[in-house]
Amino acid sequence: MRFLRRLFFLFAVLIIGVALIPLSSLSIYDDDSHYNALLGDVRVTVEYNHSVEHSEVIEILEANSSGIYVRKMLWSDFGAGLPEDIQGMENGYYYKDVDQYLGKGFDYWFIPFNRARIIVGNRTVLAPKHAELVKFRVKKCPLILIALRRC
């Protein structure tokens, strides 16, 4: 009986220890929604209608343990704040390959007109419905909080 208690105690300590291991995670959240996942190399796509030009813009990001990078930008029109240095055409969009480090976090301000969608892999994880700030963060978090999506 004493052996079983010790074994159970060691097993509980091991489980708690694993649950508290800090791992790199990606958090994307606004006032209403929260997405959290373990990081490897995660592809994040941000699709929205440009507030001034009223044309679609697609930004492809990559998140890993060192931070968030812009990898590619696609757009369908020219004007306020949109690139003028195109590298080519792809599926009806102008595109520009980018390799820009954004750091461990950044914020996007979206309004309803933007009809923004944030896609991780192939899944839409957030689509703001009202004017709000969407936050993107790469940080270390205990495994248990990542699993509970509360990092």
Protein backbone atom coordinates (compact mmCIF):
# COMPACT_ATOMS: atom_id res chain seq x y z
CA MET A 1 0.00 0.00 0.00
CA ARG A 2 2.81 2.39 0.91
CA PHE A 3 4.49 1.63 -2.43
CA LEU A 4 1.29 2.53 -4.31
CA ARG A 5 1.02 5.85 -2.45
CA ARG A 6 4.60 6.73 -3.36
CA LEU A 7 4.02 5.71 -6.94
CA PHE A 8 0.85 7.81 -7.12
CA PHE A 9 2.68 10.77 -5.52
CA LEU A 10 5.55 10.53 -8.03
CA PHE A 11 3.07 10.25 -10.90
CA ALA A 12 1.17 13.34 -9.67
CA VAL A 13 4.41 15.33 -9.31
CA LEU A 14 5.44 14.29 -12.83
CA ILE A 15 2.08 15.34 -14.31
CA ILE A 16 2.16 18.69 -12.52
CA GLY A 17 5.76 19.24 -13.60
CA VAL A 18 4.92 18.59 -17.26
CA ALA A 19 1.85 20.85 -17.04
CA LEU A 20 4.02 23.72 -15.79
CA ILE A 21 6.71 23.47 -18.50
CA PRO A 22 6.83 26.83 -20.32
CA LEU A 23 6.46 26.51 -24.09
CA SER A 24 6.24 29.04 -26.91
CA SER A 25 2.69 29.87 -27.87
CA LEU A 26 0.77 32.14 -30.20
CA SER A 27 -2.15 34.15 -28.82
CA ILE A 28 -4.56 36.07 -31.03
CA TYR A 29 -7.35 37.85 -29.21
CA ASP A 30 -9.79 40.73 -29.11
CA ASP A 31 -12.46 41.79 -26.63
CA ASP A 32 -14.68 38.81 -27.46
CA SER A 33 -12.49 35.92 -28.64
CA HIS A 34 -9.21 34.27 -27.77
CA TYR A 35 -7.14 31.84 -29.83
CA ASN A 36 -4.06 30.14 -28.41
CA ALA A 37 -1.82 27.41 -29.79
CA LEU A 38 1.60 25.84 -29.39
CA LEU A 39 4.18 27.19 -31.77
CA GLY A 40 6.22 25.44 -34.40
CA ASP A 41 6.17 27.40 -37.62
CA VAL A 42 2.58 28.62 -37.76
CA ARG A 43 1.12 30.30 -40.85
CA VAL A 44 -1.30 33.14 -40.08
CA THR A 45 -3.31 34.82 -42.84
CA VAL A 46 -4.97 38.18 -42.25
CA GLU A 47 -7.62 39.05 -44.87
CA TYR A 48 -9.43 42.39 -44.86
CA ASN A 49 -10.95 45.13 -46.99
CA HIS A 50 -8.76 48.21 -47.09
CA SER A 51 -10.48 51.07 -45.23
CA VAL A 52 -9.64 53.75 -47.82
CA GLU A 53 -9.28 51.91 -51.13
CA HIS A 54 -12.11 49.41 -50.40
CA SER A 55 -10.11 46.60 -51.98
CA GLU A 56 -9.10 43.24 -50.55
CA VAL A 57 -5.72 42.86 -48.86
CA ILE A 58 -4.14 39.58 -47.75
CA GLU A 59 -1.15 39.46 -45.46
CA ILE A 60 0.62 36.18 -44.82
CA LEU A 61 2.49 35.96 -41.55
CA GLU A 62 4.62 33.30 -39.92
CA ALA A 63 4.87 32.87 -36.17
CA ASN A 64 7.55 30.85 -34.43
CA SER A 65 9.31 30.97 -31.08
CA SER A 66 11.46 33.94 -32.16
CA GLY A 67 8.44 36.10 -33.06
CA ILE A 68 6.14 37.07 -35.92
CA TYR A 69 7.24 37.76 -39.49
CA VAL A 70 5.43 39.18 -42.53
CA ARG A 71 6.17 36.78 -45.41
CA LYS A 72 3.91 37.97 -48.23
CA MET A 73 1.41 40.66 -49.06
CA LEU A 74 -1.28 40.46 -51.75
CA TRP A 75 -3.57 43.31 -52.81
CA SER A 76 -5.89 44.14 -55.68
CA ASP A 77 -5.65 47.95 -55.98
CA PHE A 78 -3.27 50.84 -55.44
CA GLY A 79 -3.60 53.80 -53.13
CA ALA A 80 -3.33 54.98 -49.53
CA GLY A 81 -0.87 52.79 -47.65
CA LEU A 82 -0.75 49.99 -50.22
CA PRO A 83 2.57 48.97 -51.78
CA GLU A 84 3.55 50.33 -55.18
CA ASP A 85 6.54 48.03 -55.67
CA ILE A 86 4.84 44.91 -57.02
CA GLN A 87 6.83 41.74 -57.69
CA GLY A 88 4.19 40.04 -59.82
CA MET A 89 0.62 38.83 -60.17
CA GLU A 90 -0.93 35.81 -58.45
CA ASN A 91 -4.59 34.75 -58.78
CA GLY A 92 -5.64 38.28 -59.75
CA TYR A 93 -3.69 39.96 -56.93
CA TYR A 94 -0.51 41.97 -57.01
CA TYR A 95 2.00 40.46 -54.63
CA LYS A 96 5.18 41.27 -52.80
CA ASP A 97 7.34 38.76 -50.96
CA VAL A 98 8.39 40.28 -47.67
CA ASP A 99 10.72 39.15 -44.93
CA GLN A 100 10.01 41.62 -42.15
CA TYR A 101 10.27 40.87 -38.44
CA LEU A 102 7.37 42.34 -36.45
CA GLY A 103 8.63 41.31 -33.02
CA LYS A 104 6.93 39.23 -30.36
CA GLY A 105 3.66 41.10 -30.74
CA PHE A 106 1.67 43.67 -32.64
CA ASP A 107 -1.88 45.00 -32.83
CA TYR A 108 -4.32 45.52 -35.72
CA TRP A 109 -7.22 47.95 -35.51
CA PHE A 110 -10.24 46.74 -37.46
CA ILE A 111 -13.61 48.36 -38.13
CA PRO A 112 -16.73 46.50 -39.34
CA PHE A 113 -16.16 47.64 -42.95
CA ASN A 114 -12.86 45.73 -43.01
CA ARG A 115 -14.70 42.39 -42.72
CA ALA A 116 -11.43 41.03 -41.32
CA ARG A 117 -10.68 37.33 -40.95
CA ILE A 118 -7.68 35.90 -39.14
CA ILE A 119 -6.87 32.40 -40.34
CA VAL A 120 -4.40 30.01 -38.71
CA GLY A 121 -3.54 27.14 -41.03
CA ASN A 122 -6.86 26.66 -42.83
CA ARG A 123 -9.14 27.62 -39.93
CA THR A 124 -10.69 31.04 -39.29
CA VAL A 125 -9.89 31.75 -35.64
CA LEU A 126 -11.16 35.30 -35.36
CA ALA A 127 -13.43 37.62 -37.35
CA PRO A 128 -14.05 40.90 -35.47
CA LYS A 129 -17.64 42.11 -35.69
CA HIS A 130 -17.21 45.64 -34.30
CA ALA A 131 -14.44 48.26 -34.15
CA GLU A 132 -11.71 46.79 -32.00
CA LEU A 133 -8.06 46.05 -31.52
CA VAL A 134 -6.87 42.53 -32.37
CA LYS A 135 -3.68 41.54 -30.54
CA PHE A 136 -1.10 39.04 -31.77
CA ARG A 137 1.46 37.79 -29.22
CA VAL A 138 4.22 35.17 -29.11
CA LYS A 139 5.11 34.30 -25.53
CA LYS A 140 6.13 31.51 -23.19
CA CYS A 141 3.27 29.91 -21.32
CA PRO A 142 2.83 26.83 -19.13
CA LEU A 143 1.51 23.86 -21.10
CA ILE A 144 -1.62 23.65 -18.94
CA LEU A 145 -2.63 27.24 -19.80
CA ILE A 146 -2.02 26.62 -23.50
CA ALA A 147 -4.22 23.52 -23.31
CA LEU A 148 -6.93 25.55 -21.55
CA ARG A 149 -6.50 28.35 -24.17
CA ARG A 150 -5.90 30.90 -21.41
CA CYS A 151 -2.32 31.95 -22.05
